[in-house]
Amino acid sequence: MAAVSTGTTCLFGVDGLVTNLFVQGYSVNATFNLSGTVADETGLTKTARYDDRKTEITVDGICKTDSMPTIGASFSFTINADTAYPSGSKSTSYVGTITAISQKGSNKDFTSVSVTAVDYEGVTP
């Protein structure tokens, strides 16, 4: 597909690939898995600590074949912006462990699959 771009250059499309899946989109959510706060006598938070970065990704796509990834397996995917945190540093390379696979079938549409994986800062998948 030829593209003509004018104005400010922005990220577009999907860079990552999944075997036997036409990737249609993905979402990434990075959070802290552990947090703690300290409040003073009036209830105002005076200290906050955040540890153990956790990155979760869900990739949606259309099935090419019936051979899909397996829950518990390692999962790698390239994202457009550096919002994943493997080993605690931000990156566009996501590597995690598959925790869920959802499938949707219909008599009026192609079969779609969503693959969800999670990565913790201190765990190597």
Protein backbone atom coordinates (compact mmCIF):
# COMPACT_ATOMS: atom_id res chain seq x y z
CA MET A 1 0.00 0.00 0.00
CA ALA A 2 1.46 3.35 -1.03
CA ALA A 3 1.20 6.11 1.54
CA VAL A 4 1.41 9.84 1.20
CA SER A 5 2.13 11.57 4.49
CA THR A 6 2.00 15.27 5.16
CA GLY A 7 2.51 17.15 8.39
CA THR A 8 4.03 15.62 11.49
CA THR A 9 5.34 12.07 11.23
CA CYS A 10 3.59 9.69 13.66
CA LEU A 11 3.75 5.97 14.42
CA PHE A 12 1.32 3.97 12.29
CA GLY A 13 0.38 0.33 11.93
CA VAL A 14 1.72 -2.75 13.70
CA ASP A 15 5.38 -3.88 13.61
CA GLY A 16 5.03 -7.15 15.54
CA LEU A 17 4.36 -10.57 14.06
CA VAL A 18 2.79 -13.73 15.53
CA THR A 19 3.13 -17.09 13.79
CA ASN A 20 -0.11 -18.14 12.01
CA LEU A 21 -1.88 -14.88 12.87
CA PHE A 22 -2.64 -11.77 10.81
CA VAL A 23 -2.08 -9.23 13.59
CA GLN A 24 -4.82 -6.60 13.63
CA GLY A 25 -3.82 -4.68 16.74
CA TYR A 26 -2.36 -4.84 20.23
CA SER A 27 -2.50 -3.10 23.59
CA VAL A 28 0.24 -2.77 26.21
CA ASN A 29 -0.28 -1.95 29.88
CA ALA A 30 2.77 -1.26 32.07
CA THR A 31 2.25 -0.93 35.83
CA PHE A 32 4.00 -1.58 39.13
CA ASN A 33 3.20 -4.93 40.71
CA LEU A 34 4.04 -3.70 44.21
CA SER A 35 3.38 -0.34 45.80
CA GLY A 36 3.32 1.07 49.30
CA THR A 37 2.53 4.45 50.82
CA VAL A 38 2.93 6.21 54.17
CA ALA A 39 0.42 8.79 55.39
CA ASP A 40 0.92 11.42 58.06
CA GLU A 41 -1.42 12.05 61.00
CA THR A 42 -3.88 13.97 58.80
CA GLY A 43 -4.11 11.22 56.18
CA LEU A 44 -1.98 12.90 53.51
CA THR A 45 0.40 10.63 51.64
CA LYS A 46 3.99 11.60 52.42
CA THR A 47 5.89 8.66 50.94
CA ALA A 48 5.20 6.39 47.99
CA ARG A 49 7.29 3.46 46.78
CA TYR A 50 6.77 1.48 43.59
CA ASP A 51 8.57 -1.77 42.73
CA ASP A 52 8.51 -4.65 40.24
CA ARG A 53 7.50 -3.32 36.85
CA LYS A 54 4.86 -5.50 35.19
CA THR A 55 4.04 -5.32 31.48
CA GLU A 56 0.98 -7.03 30.02
CA ILE A 57 0.27 -7.25 26.29
CA THR A 58 -2.77 -8.43 24.36
CA VAL A 59 -2.38 -9.07 20.64
CA ASP A 60 -5.48 -9.47 18.46
CA GLY A 61 -5.48 -11.14 15.06
CA ILE A 62 -7.16 -13.27 12.43
CA CYS A 63 -6.16 -16.96 12.32
CA LYS A 64 -4.24 -18.20 9.27
CA THR A 65 -4.32 -21.82 10.49
CA ASP A 66 -5.54 -23.70 13.56
CA SER A 67 -2.04 -23.78 15.11
CA MET A 68 -1.95 -21.05 17.77
CA PRO A 69 0.49 -20.22 20.60
CA THR A 70 0.18 -22.23 23.83
CA ILE A 71 -0.56 -20.82 27.29
CA GLY A 72 2.55 -20.98 29.46
CA ALA A 73 4.85 -20.53 26.46
CA SER A 74 7.25 -17.63 25.98
CA PHE A 75 5.87 -14.83 23.76
CA SER A 76 7.86 -12.17 21.87
CA PHE A 77 6.42 -9.16 20.06
CA THR A 78 7.73 -5.85 18.71
CA ILE A 79 5.71 -2.80 19.76
CA ASN A 80 5.82 0.66 18.19
CA ALA A 81 6.68 2.78 21.24
CA ASP A 82 9.04 1.90 24.11
CA THR A 83 6.37 1.13 26.72
CA ALA A 84 7.45 -2.42 27.66
CA TYR A 85 9.82 -2.94 30.61
CA PRO A 86 11.81 -6.18 30.19
CA SER A 87 14.36 -6.37 33.04
CA GLY A 88 13.14 -2.98 34.27
CA SER A 89 14.23 -0.83 31.29
CA LYS A 90 11.81 0.58 28.73
CA SER A 91 11.94 -1.06 25.31
CA THR A 92 10.04 -1.77 22.07
CA SER A 93 10.90 -5.46 22.42
CA TYR A 94 8.35 -7.34 24.52
CA VAL A 95 9.03 -10.82 25.91
CA GLY A 96 6.64 -12.44 28.37
CA THR A 97 4.73 -15.60 29.23
CA ILE A 98 1.35 -16.35 27.62
CA THR A 99 -1.32 -16.30 30.33
CA ALA A 100 -4.50 -16.39 28.21
CA ILE A 101 -5.76 -17.13 24.70
CA SER A 102 -9.27 -16.22 23.62
CA GLN A 103 -10.93 -17.25 20.36
CA LYS A 104 -13.97 -15.80 18.66
CA GLY A 105 -15.72 -17.61 15.81
CA SER A 106 -18.73 -16.58 13.75
CA ASN A 107 -20.68 -17.77 10.73
CA LYS A 108 -20.30 -14.28 9.23
CA ASP A 109 -16.67 -13.46 9.99
CA PHE A 110 -13.16 -14.89 10.13
CA THR A 111 -11.96 -16.62 13.31
CA SER A 112 -10.07 -14.22 15.56
CA VAL A 113 -7.75 -14.86 18.48
CA SER A 114 -6.47 -12.67 21.32
CA VAL A 115 -3.18 -13.66 22.96
CA THR A 116 -2.38 -12.16 26.38
CA ALA A 117 1.08 -12.36 27.96
CA VAL A 118 2.64 -10.89 31.09
CA ASP A 119 6.24 -9.98 31.99
CA TYR A 120 7.63 -9.12 35.40
CA GLU A 121 10.82 -7.13 35.84
CA GLY A 122 12.56 -9.92 37.75
CA VAL A 123 11.33 -12.95 35.78
CA THR A 124 12.97 -14.15 32.57
CA PRO A 125 10.41 -16.01 30.42
